[in-house]
Amino acid sequence: MERLTATPSGVRLGPLDLIADGAARNFVLEMRAGRFHGFAVRNGDAVHGYVDRCPHMELPLAQQLDQYLTSGGGLIQCSWHGALFRIEDGGCVGGPCVGAALTPWPLEVRDGAIFTA
């Protein structure tokens, strides 16, 4: 099955409380064209989404389910080679792919729920 890098807008992923504040969660969406793997990081009432693929070697970032953040929760970290990314924009600030960035997955919060944008 093909691995997709985008989703249609308006897909309800679940309530905002599905993700604890300061934490991340993996999402896999099955669509006719293939399967999408992404993750979302919650920061208060905001949610930042990215395609689950490190720009360094095209691997999923987390080796353990939902483990996308550094121990302090301040950065996204690739568990394979230690690349570090800003939560706000996905820019790589440390590790083997400095200057690269995660692929954004547009998300929005409406009426207490997370939707694809």
Protein backbone atom coordinates (compact mmCIF):
# COMPACT_ATOMS: atom_id res chain seq x y z
CA MET A 1 0.00 0.00 0.00
CA GLU A 2 1.31 3.44 -0.90
CA ARG A 3 2.45 5.74 1.90
CA LEU A 4 0.76 9.12 1.47
CA THR A 5 2.17 12.50 2.48
CA ALA A 6 -1.09 14.50 2.67
CA THR A 7 -4.71 14.13 3.75
CA PRO A 8 -7.94 15.80 2.67
CA SER A 9 -9.17 18.66 4.84
CA GLY A 10 -12.04 18.29 7.28
CA VAL A 11 -11.17 14.84 8.68
CA ARG A 12 -12.04 14.75 12.40
CA LEU A 13 -9.16 13.11 14.29
CA GLY A 14 -10.77 13.31 17.73
CA PRO A 15 -11.16 15.59 20.73
CA LEU A 16 -8.30 17.94 21.66
CA ASP A 17 -7.99 16.00 24.94
CA LEU A 18 -6.86 12.98 22.90
CA ILE A 19 -3.39 14.54 23.21
CA ALA A 20 -2.14 15.69 26.61
CA ASP A 21 -0.83 19.25 26.68
CA GLY A 22 2.90 19.12 25.88
CA ALA A 23 2.68 15.63 24.38
CA ALA A 24 2.48 14.07 20.91
CA ARG A 25 0.33 11.41 19.29
CA ASN A 26 0.63 9.26 16.19
CA PHE A 27 -2.18 9.10 13.64
CA VAL A 28 -2.58 6.59 10.81
CA LEU A 29 -5.33 7.30 8.29
CA GLU A 30 -6.45 4.62 5.86
CA MET A 31 -7.61 6.10 2.58
CA ARG A 32 -8.42 4.64 -0.82
CA ALA A 33 -5.15 5.90 -2.29
CA GLY A 34 -3.04 4.50 0.55
CA ARG A 35 -2.07 4.98 4.17
CA PHE A 36 -1.05 8.27 5.78
CA HIS A 37 1.26 8.34 8.83
CA GLY A 38 1.43 11.58 10.77
CA PHE A 39 1.74 12.91 14.28
CA ALA A 40 0.49 15.90 16.21
CA VAL A 41 2.06 17.84 19.07
CA ARG A 42 -0.23 19.74 21.43
CA ASN A 43 0.80 23.06 22.92
CA GLY A 44 -2.12 24.41 24.96
CA ASP A 45 -5.02 24.88 22.55
CA ALA A 46 -2.75 24.70 19.49
CA VAL A 47 -1.82 21.53 17.61
CA HIS A 48 1.13 21.21 15.21
CA GLY A 49 1.03 18.33 12.73
CA TYR A 50 3.77 16.69 10.66
CA VAL A 51 4.17 13.78 8.29
CA ASP A 52 5.88 10.99 10.26
CA ARG A 53 9.03 10.88 8.16
CA CYS A 54 12.48 12.22 9.07
CA PRO A 55 14.12 14.17 6.23
CA HIS A 56 17.46 12.51 7.07
CA MET A 57 16.74 8.91 5.96
CA GLU A 58 12.97 8.96 5.30
CA LEU A 59 12.25 6.79 8.38
CA PRO A 60 9.34 7.30 10.81
CA LEU A 61 10.60 9.42 13.72
CA ALA A 62 9.41 7.36 16.69
CA GLN A 63 10.55 3.82 17.40
CA GLN A 64 8.05 3.65 20.28
CA LEU A 65 4.41 4.68 19.83
CA ASP A 66 3.83 8.41 20.44
CA GLN A 67 7.45 9.03 21.57
CA TYR A 68 8.19 12.04 19.36
CA LEU A 69 9.47 14.58 21.89
CA THR A 70 12.70 15.09 23.81
CA SER A 71 12.53 14.22 27.51
CA GLY A 72 11.83 17.86 28.37
CA GLY A 73 9.16 18.11 25.67
CA GLY A 74 10.74 21.17 24.06
CA LEU A 75 11.68 19.61 20.72
CA ILE A 76 10.67 16.83 18.36
CA GLN A 77 13.38 14.17 18.19
CA CYS A 78 14.03 11.42 15.65
CA SER A 79 14.69 8.29 17.69
CA TRP A 80 16.95 6.76 14.99
CA HIS A 81 19.75 9.31 14.60
CA GLY A 82 18.86 12.06 17.07
CA ALA A 83 17.79 14.84 14.71
CA LEU A 84 16.02 17.64 16.62
CA PHE A 85 13.16 19.73 15.23
CA ARG A 86 11.28 22.81 16.45
CA ILE A 87 7.66 22.03 17.36
CA GLU A 88 6.35 25.30 15.89
CA ASP A 89 7.64 24.89 12.31
CA GLY A 90 9.43 21.52 12.03
CA GLY A 91 12.80 23.09 11.25
CA CYS A 92 15.81 20.88 12.08
CA VAL A 93 18.05 22.52 14.67
CA GLY A 94 20.37 19.62 15.53
CA GLY A 95 21.62 16.31 14.25
CA PRO A 96 22.32 14.97 10.75
CA CYS A 97 19.81 17.09 8.80
CA VAL A 98 20.29 20.65 10.13
CA GLY A 99 18.62 23.10 7.77
CA ALA A 100 16.04 20.57 6.56
CA ALA A 101 12.49 20.43 7.92
CA LEU A 102 9.67 18.03 8.63
CA THR A 103 6.81 18.03 6.13
CA PRO A 104 3.90 19.96 7.67
CA TRP A 105 0.54 18.23 8.11
CA PRO A 106 -1.98 21.08 8.44
CA LEU A 107 -4.27 20.64 11.45
CA GLU A 108 -6.73 22.90 13.22
CA VAL A 109 -8.73 22.87 16.43
CA ARG A 110 -12.46 23.61 16.07
CA ASP A 111 -15.10 23.24 18.79
CA GLY A 112 -12.70 21.28 21.01
CA ALA A 113 -11.77 18.77 18.30
CA ILE A 114 -8.74 18.28 16.02
CA PHE A 115 -9.36 18.34 12.25
CA THR A 116 -7.16 18.13 9.18
CA ALA A 117 -6.96 21.55 7.53
